C-alpha atoms as a PDB file:
ATOM      1  CA  UNK A   1     -41.976  35.061 101.951  1.00  0.00           C
ATOM      2  CA  UNK A   2     -44.030  32.778  99.701  1.00  0.00           C
ATOM      3  CA  UNK A   3     -40.957  31.248  98.077  1.00  0.00           C
ATOM      4  CA  UNK A   4     -39.555  29.891 101.355  1.00  0.00           C
ATOM      5  CA  UNK A   5     -42.802  28.276 102.560  1.00  0.00           C
ATOM      6  CA  UNK A   6     -42.907  24.487 103.013  1.00  0.00           C
ATOM      7  CA  UNK A   7     -45.771  23.222 105.182  1.00  0.00           C
ATOM      8  CA  UNK A   8     -46.572  26.833 106.077  1.00  0.00           C
ATOM      9  CA  UNK A   9     -50.106  27.904 105.214  1.00  0.00           C
ATOM     10  CA  UNK A  10     -49.552  31.646 105.658  1.00  0.00           C
ATOM     11  CA  UNK A  11     -46.668  33.730 104.280  1.00  0.00           C
ATOM     12  CA  UNK A  12     -44.964  35.644 107.080  1.00  0.00           C
ATOM     13  CA  UNK A  13     -43.734  39.182 106.467  1.00  0.00           C
ATOM     14  CA  UNK A  14     -43.594  42.432 108.407  1.00  0.00           C
ATOM     15  CA  UNK A  15     -42.256  45.934 107.841  1.00  0.00           C
ATOM     16  CA  UNK A  16     -42.144  49.145 109.790  1.00  0.00           C
ATOM     17  CA  UNK A  17     -40.509  52.573 109.881  1.00  0.00           C
ATOM     18  CA  UNK A  18     -38.479  53.985 112.738  1.00  0.00           C
ATOM     19  CA  UNK A  19     -37.120  57.514 113.115  1.00  0.00           C
ATOM     20  CA  UNK A  20     -33.675  57.837 114.690  1.00  0.00           C
ATOM     21  CA  UNK A  21     -32.182  61.252 115.314  1.00  0.00           C
ATOM     22  CA  UNK A  22     -34.553  62.780 112.769  1.00  0.00           C
ATOM     23  CA  UNK A  23     -33.814  60.260 110.001  1.00  0.00           C
ATOM     24  CA  UNK A  24     -36.426  57.660 108.981  1.00  0.00           C
ATOM     25  CA  UNK A  25     -35.312  54.080 108.402  1.00  0.00           C
ATOM     26  CA  UNK A  26     -37.178  50.980 107.244  1.00  0.00           C
ATOM     27  CA  UNK A  27     -37.004  47.508 108.782  1.00  0.00           C
ATOM     28  CA  UNK A  28     -38.474  44.592 106.834  1.00  0.00           C
ATOM     29  CA  UNK A  29     -38.459  40.874 107.580  1.00  0.00           C
ATOM     30  CA  UNK A  30     -39.746  37.580 106.225  1.00  0.00           C
ATOM     31  CA  UNK A  31     -39.808  34.171 107.888  1.00  0.00           C
ATOM     32  CA  UNK A  32     -40.974  30.612 107.417  1.00  0.00           C
ATOM     33  CA  UNK A  33     -41.743  27.926 109.946  1.00  0.00           C
ATOM     34  CA  UNK A  34     -44.644  25.684 110.832  1.00  0.00           C
ATOM     35  CA  UNK A  35     -43.404  22.362 112.210  1.00  0.00           C
ATOM     36  CA  UNK A  36     -40.274  21.089 113.965  1.00  0.00           C
ATOM     37  CA  UNK A  37     -40.118  24.398 115.803  1.00  0.00           C
ATOM     38  CA  UNK A  38     -38.294  24.669 119.128  1.00  0.00           C
ATOM     39  CA  UNK A  39     -35.057  26.369 120.261  1.00  0.00           C
ATOM     40  CA  UNK A  40     -32.304  26.304 119.469  1.00  0.00           C
ATOM     41  CA  UNK A  41     -32.429  24.582 116.105  1.00  0.00           C
ATOM     42  CA  UNK A  42     -35.702  24.511 114.212  1.00  0.00           C
ATOM     43  CA  UNK A  43     -36.999  24.236 110.679  1.00  0.00           C
ATOM     44  CA  UNK A  44     -37.170  28.005 110.561  1.00  0.00           C
ATOM     45  CA  UNK A  45     -35.770  30.676 108.274  1.00  0.00           C
ATOM     46  CA  UNK A  46     -35.843  34.409 108.962  1.00  0.00           C
ATOM     47  CA  UNK A  47     -34.343  37.268 106.993  1.00  0.00           C
ATOM     48  CA  UNK A  48     -34.517  40.813 108.348  1.00  0.00           C
ATOM     49  CA  UNK A  49     -33.034  43.877 106.654  1.00  0.00           C
ATOM     50  CA  UNK A  50     -32.798  47.571 107.376  1.00  0.00           C
ATOM     51  CA  UNK A  51     -31.536  50.482 105.310  1.00  0.00           C
ATOM     52  CA  UNK A  52     -29.913  51.958 108.425  1.00  0.00           C
ATOM     53  CA  UNK A  53     -26.086  52.049 108.438  1.00  0.00           C
ATOM     54  CA  UNK A  54     -24.983  49.722 111.251  1.00  0.00           C
ATOM     55  CA  UNK A  55     -21.601  48.149 112.008  1.00  0.00           C
ATOM     56  CA  UNK A  56     -21.179  44.360 112.043  1.00  0.00           C
ATOM     57  CA  UNK A  57     -20.490  44.438 115.783  1.00  0.00           C
ATOM     58  CA  UNK A  58     -23.660  46.394 116.523  1.00  0.00           C
ATOM     59  CA  UNK A  59     -25.695  44.118 114.252  1.00  0.00           C
ATOM     60  CA  UNK A  60     -24.388  41.046 116.080  1.00  0.00           C
ATOM     61  CA  UNK A  61     -25.398  42.500 119.443  1.00  0.00           C
ATOM     62  CA  UNK A  62     -28.840  43.484 118.141  1.00  0.00           C
ATOM     63  CA  UNK A  63     -29.406  40.069 116.559  1.00  0.00           C
ATOM     64  CA  UNK A  64     -28.481  38.106 119.679  1.00  0.00           C
ATOM     65  CA  UNK A  65     -30.695  40.314 121.828  1.00  0.00           C
ATOM     66  CA  UNK A  66     -33.625  40.025 119.425  1.00  0.00           C
ATOM     67  CA  UNK A  67     -33.410  36.296 118.684  1.00  0.00           C
ATOM     68  CA  UNK A  68     -33.268  35.323 122.350  1.00  0.00           C
ATOM     69  CA  UNK A  69     -36.484  37.263 122.978  1.00  0.00           C
ATOM     70  CA  UNK A  70     -38.370  36.167 119.864  1.00  0.00           C
ATOM     71  CA  UNK A  71     -37.502  33.139 117.732  1.00  0.00           C
ATOM     72  CA  UNK A  72     -35.962  31.371 120.736  1.00  0.00           C
ATOM     73  CA  UNK A  73     -39.276  31.775 122.584  1.00  0.00           C
ATOM     74  CA  UNK A  74     -41.372  29.739 120.142  1.00  0.00           C
ATOM     75  CA  UNK A  75     -42.247  26.058 120.311  1.00  0.00           C
ATOM     76  CA  UNK A  76     -44.747  24.336 118.048  1.00  0.00           C
ATOM     77  CA  UNK A  77     -44.052  20.686 118.760  1.00  0.00           C
ATOM     78  CA  UNK A  78     -40.863  20.603 120.840  1.00  0.00           C
ATOM     79  CA  UNK A  79     -38.973  19.055 117.946  1.00  0.00           C
ATOM     80  CA  UNK A  80     -35.999  20.429 116.053  1.00  0.00           C
ATOM     81  CA  UNK A  81     -33.876  19.912 112.957  1.00  0.00           C
ATOM     82  CA  UNK A  82     -30.501  21.026 111.678  1.00  0.00           C
ATOM     83  CA  UNK A  83     -31.977  23.565 109.282  1.00  0.00           C
ATOM     84  CA  UNK A  84     -32.466  27.012 110.717  1.00  0.00           C
ATOM     85  CA  UNK A  85     -31.100  30.437 110.013  1.00  0.00           C
ATOM     86  CA  UNK A  86     -31.781  33.990 111.081  1.00  0.00           C
ATOM     87  CA  UNK A  87     -30.021  36.764 109.189  1.00  0.00           C
ATOM     88  CA  UNK A  88     -29.963  40.472 109.995  1.00  0.00           C
ATOM     89  CA  UNK A  89     -28.712  42.705 107.190  1.00  0.00           C
ATOM     90  CA  UNK A  90     -27.968  46.441 107.177  1.00  0.00           C
ATOM     91  CA  UNK A  91     -27.678  47.879 103.684  1.00  0.00           C
ATOM     92  CA  UNK A  92     -26.774  51.412 104.760  1.00  0.00           C
ATOM     93  CA  UNK A  93     -28.786  52.682 101.796  1.00  0.00           C
ATOM     94  CA  UNK A  94     -30.091  55.646 103.797  1.00  0.00           C
ATOM     95  CA  UNK A  95     -27.397  58.244 104.382  1.00  0.00           C
ATOM     96  CA  UNK A  96     -26.611  58.744 108.072  1.00  0.00           C
ATOM     97  CA  UNK A  97     -23.688  58.208 110.453  1.00  0.00           C
ATOM     98  CA  UNK A  98     -22.998  54.539 111.151  1.00  0.00           C
ATOM     99  CA  UNK A  99     -24.354  53.079 114.389  1.00  0.00           C
ATOM    100  CA  UNK A 100     -21.098  51.638 115.714  1.00  0.00           C
ATOM    101  CA  UNK A 101     -22.044  50.170 119.120  1.00  0.00           C
ATOM    102  CA  UNK A 102     -24.447  50.352 122.062  1.00  0.00           C
ATOM    103  CA  UNK A 103     -22.954  53.690 123.064  1.00  0.00           C
ATOM    104  CA  UNK A 104     -24.771  55.335 120.165  1.00  0.00           C
ATOM    105  CA  UNK A 105     -28.121  56.786 121.373  1.00  0.00           C
ATOM    106  CA  UNK A 106     -29.770  55.327 118.240  1.00  0.00           C
ATOM    107  CA  UNK A 107     -28.682  51.776 119.124  1.00  0.00           C
ATOM    108  CA  UNK A 108     -31.357  50.966 121.726  1.00  0.00           C
ATOM    109  CA  UNK A 109     -34.383  52.246 119.755  1.00  0.00           C
ATOM    110  CA  UNK A 110     -33.146  50.443 116.618  1.00  0.00           C
ATOM    111  CA  UNK A 111     -32.568  47.248 118.617  1.00  0.00           C
ATOM    112  CA  UNK A 112     -36.027  47.479 120.170  1.00  0.00           C
ATOM    113  CA  UNK A 113     -37.721  48.095 116.813  1.00  0.00           C
ATOM    114  CA  UNK A 114     -35.972  45.080 115.270  1.00  0.00           C
ATOM    115  CA  UNK A 115     -36.883  42.955 118.303  1.00  0.00           C
ATOM    116  CA  UNK A 116     -40.509  44.033 118.019  1.00  0.00           C
ATOM    117  CA  UNK A 117     -40.604  43.115 114.326  1.00  0.00           C
ATOM    118  CA  UNK A 118     -38.988  39.724 115.003  1.00  0.00           C
ATOM    119  CA  UNK A 119     -41.539  39.084 117.754  1.00  0.00           C
ATOM    120  CA  UNK A 120     -44.318  39.630 115.223  1.00  0.00           C
ATOM    121  CA  UNK A 121     -42.701  37.090 112.875  1.00  0.00           C
ATOM    122  CA  UNK A 122     -42.057  34.609 115.697  1.00  0.00           C
ATOM    123  CA  UNK A 123     -45.667  34.785 116.831  1.00  0.00           C
ATOM    124  CA  UNK A 124     -46.771  34.270 113.224  1.00  0.00           C
ATOM    125  CA  UNK A 125     -44.836  30.980 113.231  1.00  0.00           C
ATOM    126  CA  UNK A 126     -46.664  29.806 116.355  1.00  0.00           C
ATOM    127  CA  UNK A 127     -49.997  30.883 114.898  1.00  0.00           C
ATOM    128  CA  UNK A 128     -49.240  28.910 111.734  1.00  0.00           C
ATOM    129  CA  UNK A 129     -48.030  25.803 113.560  1.00  0.00           C
ATOM    130  CA  UNK A 130     -48.806  22.609 111.691  1.00  0.00           C
ATOM    131  CA  UNK A 131     -52.480  21.823 112.259  1.00  0.00           C
ATOM    132  CA  UNK A 132     -52.819  24.623 114.815  1.00  0.00           C
ATOM    133  CA  UNK A 133     -56.223  26.037 115.655  1.00  0.00           C
ATOM    134  CA  UNK A 134     -55.164  28.198 118.622  1.00  0.00           C
ATOM    135  CA  UNK A 135     -52.351  30.573 119.537  1.00  0.00           C
ATOM    136  CA  UNK A 136     -51.176  30.306 123.143  1.00  0.00           C
ATOM    137  CA  UNK A 137     -49.005  32.747 125.083  1.00  0.00           C
ATOM    138  CA  UNK A 138     -47.451  31.276 128.218  1.00  0.00           C
ATOM    139  CA  UNK A 139     -46.258  33.888 130.721  1.00  0.00           C
ATOM    140  CA  UNK A 140     -44.358  32.800 133.818  1.00  0.00           C
ATOM    141  CA  UNK A 141     -43.722  35.408 136.515  1.00  0.00           C
ATOM    142  CA  UNK A 142     -42.239  35.384 139.994  1.00  0.00           C
ATOM    143  CA  UNK A 143     -39.302  33.131 139.182  1.00  0.00           C
ATOM    144  CA  UNK A 144     -36.087  33.157 141.172  1.00  0.00           C
ATOM    145  CA  UNK A 145     -34.237  33.623 137.881  1.00  0.00           C
ATOM    146  CA  UNK A 146     -35.143  33.680 134.214  1.00  0.00           C
ATOM    147  CA  UNK A 147     -33.857  30.136 133.710  1.00  0.00           C
ATOM    148  CA  UNK A 148     -36.391  28.539 136.024  1.00  0.00           C
ATOM    149  CA  UNK A 149     -39.191  30.715 134.673  1.00  0.00           C
ATOM    150  CA  UNK A 150     -38.244  29.550 131.180  1.00  0.00           C
ATOM    151  CA  UNK A 151     -38.236  25.882 132.255  1.00  0.00           C
ATOM    152  CA  UNK A 152     -41.757  26.186 133.595  1.00  0.00           C
ATOM    153  CA  UNK A 153     -42.981  28.011 130.480  1.00  0.00           C
ATOM    154  CA  UNK A 154     -41.559  25.365 128.160  1.00  0.00           C
ATOM    155  CA  UNK A 155     -42.843  22.510 130.324  1.00  0.00           C
ATOM    156  CA  UNK A 156     -46.354  23.873 129.773  1.00  0.00           C
ATOM    157  CA  UNK A 157     -45.871  24.811 126.126  1.00  0.00           C
ATOM    158  CA  UNK A 158     -44.297  21.464 125.140  1.00  0.00           C
ATOM    159  CA  UNK A 159     -46.688  19.155 126.970  1.00  0.00           C
ATOM    160  CA  UNK A 160     -48.744  17.052 124.508  1.00  0.00           C
ATOM    161  CA  UNK A 161     -51.446  16.646 127.158  1.00  0.00           C
ATOM    162  CA  UNK A 162     -51.669  20.410 127.712  1.00  0.00           C
ATOM    163  CA  UNK A 163     -51.664  21.119 123.975  1.00  0.00           C
ATOM    164  CA  UNK A 164     -54.381  18.573 123.221  1.00  0.00           C
ATOM    165  CA  UNK A 165     -56.482  20.004 126.065  1.00  0.00           C
ATOM    166  CA  UNK A 166     -56.246  23.398 124.368  1.00  0.00           C
ATOM    167  CA  UNK A 167     -57.341  21.823 121.082  1.00  0.00           C
ATOM    168  CA  UNK A 168     -60.364  20.326 122.842  1.00  0.00           C
ATOM    169  CA  UNK A 169     -61.141  23.630 124.652  1.00  0.00           C
ATOM    170  CA  UNK A 170     -60.879  21.618 127.853  1.00  0.00           C
ATOM    171  CA  UNK A 171     -59.879  23.625 130.974  1.00  0.00           C
ATOM    172  CA  UNK A 172     -57.926  20.664 132.348  1.00  0.00           C
ATOM    173  CA  UNK A 173     -56.106  22.405 135.192  1.00  0.00           C
ATOM    174  CA  UNK A 174     -54.373  19.238 136.348  1.00  0.00           C
ATOM    175  CA  UNK A 175     -52.377  18.953 133.134  1.00  0.00           C
ATOM    176  CA  UNK A 176     -51.045  22.508 133.399  1.00  0.00           C
ATOM    177  CA  UNK A 177     -50.289  22.186 137.108  1.00  0.00           C
ATOM    178  CA  UNK A 178     -48.534  18.860 136.505  1.00  0.00           C
ATOM    179  CA  UNK A 179     -46.297  20.501 133.892  1.00  0.00           C
ATOM    180  CA  UNK A 180     -45.380  23.230 136.390  1.00  0.00           C
ATOM    181  CA  UNK A 181     -44.568  20.547 138.929  1.00  0.00           C
ATOM    182  CA  UNK A 182     -42.267  18.483 136.722  1.00  0.00           C
ATOM    183  CA  UNK A 183     -40.428  21.498 135.271  1.00  0.00           C
ATOM    184  CA  UNK A 184     -37.458  20.834 137.540  1.00  0.00           C
ATOM    185  CA  UNK A 185     -37.777  23.295 140.451  1.00  0.00           C
ATOM    186  CA  UNK A 186     -37.022  20.957 143.346  1.00  0.00           C
ATOM    187  CA  UNK A 187     -37.914  23.381 146.136  1.00  0.00           C
ATOM    188  CA  UNK A 188     -41.068  24.802 144.540  1.00  0.00           C
ATOM    189  CA  UNK A 189     -43.734  25.639 147.133  1.00  0.00           C
ATOM    190  CA  UNK A 190     -46.951  24.655 145.378  1.00  0.00           C
ATOM    191  CA  UNK A 191     -48.958  26.672 147.903  1.00  0.00           C
ATOM    192  CA  UNK A 192     -47.464  29.846 146.478  1.00  0.00           C
ATOM    193  CA  UNK A 193     -48.224  29.064 142.838  1.00  0.00           C
ATOM    194  CA  UNK A 194     -51.075  30.891 141.146  1.00  0.00           C
ATOM    195  CA  UNK A 195     -52.435  30.054 137.696  1.00  0.00           C
ATOM    196  CA  UNK A 196     -54.649  32.092 135.375  1.00  0.00           C
ATOM    197  CA  UNK A 197     -56.378  31.193 132.112  1.00  0.00           C
ATOM    198  CA  UNK A 198     -56.897  34.534 130.447  1.00  0.00           C
ATOM    199  CA  UNK A 199     -58.288  36.811 133.155  1.00  0.00           C
ATOM    200  CA  UNK A 200     -59.616  33.915 135.250  1.00  0.00           C
ATOM    201  CA  UNK A 201     -57.718  32.851 138.379  1.00  0.00           C
ATOM    202  CA  UNK A 202     -58.071  29.079 138.344  1.00  0.00           C
ATOM    203  CA  UNK A 203     -55.612  27.792 140.970  1.00  0.00           C
ATOM    204  CA  UNK A 204     -53.928  29.082 144.134  1.00  0.00           C
ATOM    205  CA  UNK A 205     -52.847  27.873 147.587  1.00  0.00           C
ATOM    206  CA  UNK A 206     -52.215  24.364 146.288  1.00  0.00           C
ATOM    207  CA  UNK A 207     -55.672  23.825 144.798  1.00  0.00           C
ATOM    208  CA  UNK A 208     -58.522  25.208 142.762  1.00  0.00           C
ATOM    209  CA  UNK A 209     -59.260  28.897 143.351  1.00  0.00           C
ATOM    210  CA  UNK A 210     -62.292  29.379 145.586  1.00  0.00           C
ATOM    211  CA  UNK A 211     -64.171  31.523 143.049  1.00  0.00           C
ATOM    212  CA  UNK A 212     -63.257  29.445 140.004  1.00  0.00           C
ATOM    213  CA  UNK A 213     -66.068  28.003 137.931  1.00  0.00           C
ATOM    214  CA  UNK A 214     -65.347  25.558 135.118  1.00  0.00           C
ATOM    215  CA  UNK A 215     -67.645  27.505 132.806  1.00  0.00           C
ATOM    216  CA  UNK A 216     -65.255  30.470 133.129  1.00  0.00           C
ATOM    217  CA  UNK A 217     -62.273  28.279 132.226  1.00  0.00           C
ATOM    218  CA  UNK A 218     -64.151  26.764 129.287  1.00  0.00           C
ATOM    219  CA  UNK A 219     -64.999  30.257 128.027  1.00  0.00           C
ATOM    220  CA  UNK A 220     -61.315  31.171 127.895  1.00  0.00           C
ATOM    221  CA  UNK A 221     -60.260  27.852 126.354  1.00  0.00           C
ATOM    222  CA  UNK A 222     -62.774  28.271 123.521  1.00  0.00           C
ATOM    223  CA  UNK A 223     -60.984  31.412 122.318  1.00  0.00           C
ATOM    224  CA  UNK A 224     -58.559  31.385 119.383  1.00  0.00           C
ATOM    225  CA  UNK A 225     -55.931  33.367 121.349  1.00  0.00           C
ATOM    226  CA  UNK A 226     -55.285  32.194 124.907  1.00  0.00           C
ATOM    227  CA  UNK A 227     -52.994  33.557 127.590  1.00  0.00           C
ATOM    228  CA  UNK A 228     -51.746  31.263 130.347  1.00  0.00           C
ATOM    229  CA  UNK A 229     -50.161  33.111 133.272  1.00  0.00           C
ATOM    230  CA  UNK A 230     -48.296  31.479 136.135  1.00  0.00           C
ATOM    231  CA  UNK A 231     -46.875  33.207 139.215  1.00  0.00           C
ATOM    232  CA  UNK A 232     -44.295  31.151 141.116  1.00  0.00           C
ATOM    233  CA  UNK A 233     -43.925  33.528 144.107  1.00  0.00           C
ATOM    234  CA  UNK A 234     -40.157  33.009 144.249  1.00  0.00           C
ATOM    235  CA  UNK A 235     -38.670  36.247 142.902  1.00  0.00           C
ATOM    236  CA  UNK A 236     -38.941  38.874 140.185  1.00  0.00           C
ATOM    237  CA  UNK A 237     -37.851  36.983 137.049  1.00  0.00           C
ATOM    238  CA  UNK A 238     -40.294  36.373 134.217  1.00  0.00           C
ATOM    239  CA  UNK A 239     -40.412  35.043 130.682  1.00  0.00           C
ATOM    240  CA  UNK A 240     -42.867  34.538 127.823  1.00  0.00           C
ATOM    241  CA  UNK A 241     -43.134  31.633 125.384  1.00  0.00           C
ATOM    242  CA  UNK A 242     -45.448  31.313 122.378  1.00  0.00           C
ATOM    243  CA  UNK A 243     -46.948  28.027 121.223  1.00  0.00           C
ATOM    244  CA  UNK A 244     -50.066  26.477 119.697  1.00  0.00           C
ATOM    245  CA  UNK A 245     -52.405  23.562 120.285  1.00  0.00           C
ATOM    246  CA  UNK A 246     -51.869  20.004 119.029  1.00  0.00           C
ATOM    247  CA  UNK A 247     -54.599  18.811 116.697  1.00  0.00           C
ATOM    248  CA  UNK A 248     -55.587  15.825 114.582  1.00  0.00           C
ATOM    249  CA  UNK A 249     -54.177  17.667 111.561  1.00  0.00           C
ATOM    250  CA  UNK A 250     -50.682  17.817 113.082  1.00  0.00           C
ATOM    251  CA  UNK A 251     -50.598  14.012 113.101  1.00  0.00           C
ATOM    252  CA  UNK A 252     -52.017  13.819 109.581  1.00  0.00           C
ATOM    253  CA  UNK A 253     -49.564  16.348 108.130  1.00  0.00           C
ATOM    254  CA  UNK A 254     -46.545  14.625 109.640  1.00  0.00           C
ATOM    255  CA  UNK A 255     -47.791  11.147 108.774  1.00  0.00           C
ATOM    256  CA  UNK A 256     -48.115  12.158 105.144  1.00  0.00           C
ATOM    257  CA  UNK A 257     -45.159  14.549 104.766  1.00  0.00           C
ATOM    258  CA  UNK A 258     -41.658  13.379 103.955  1.00  0.00           C
ATOM    259  CA  UNK A 259     -38.849  15.797 103.076  1.00  0.00           C
END
C-alpha cells in the first residue's frame, strides 16, 4: 500500500474474514488514489485478493458489481487520466469447492463482502483527496431511475462552488440547489425537492425550509464528515457518491506537482 502511493498522504489497506458454508476465507485489498479521481478512468490503483476458490467467470461478475458500487462512486476533482486499474484475484489457497457462478449460495455473501471492502477503500480515497479537509457523502433518493439520481449526485459532488463552500464551512444552499437544477432533469419539479445537510432539513417546496436556521446548517458544515441528502420525489431510485472539499492545498499541490 505504501509502495504505490504518489500524492497520497495515507496508505489505504483493508482486510476482513468471511465464513462461507462453514469455511473461513480472507479478503484483503490495497489501493492508491488522491487526485485526478472520477469515473471511469482515474489515477487510481486497487488490488484485492481472496484465498477463496472462485472461477474467472464468477470473479468477473463480482468485480463488475463491486466496482460500480464503490470505485465508480468516487470523485475528488472531476478529472481523470488514462492510468487506472482494479484487480480481483482468487488464489484458491483455502481448500473448498470452487464458487463457479451466481447459482452457488456462497456467491452472494462473498460478492457482498468484497463490495463492502472495496467501499472502505473507495471512501479512503475520497478522504485522502488532494488537499481535502472534509469527507462528503452525497445521497440522492427518489429518482425516476438510477441514472438521473447519479447525475444529480455528481453535479453536487463535482461542483467547485459546492466543494469550496464545504471547505469554508459555509451552508450555501443556493450552490447545492443550483447543482441539482443543472443536473439535466428537464421536467424536475423543484417544489418536490427536499435537501438535508446532515440531519437538518434545509430546503423544501421550492425554498428554504420553514424551520431552518443558518446556525444549524453551519454546525453541520463545520464537521469533518458531512452527509448531503436530496429527495427528488420522482420515484424509488437512489444512489450514493463520495467526494471531498476543494481547498487551497489542492491548488498548491497541483501547481507544484508534475508527473
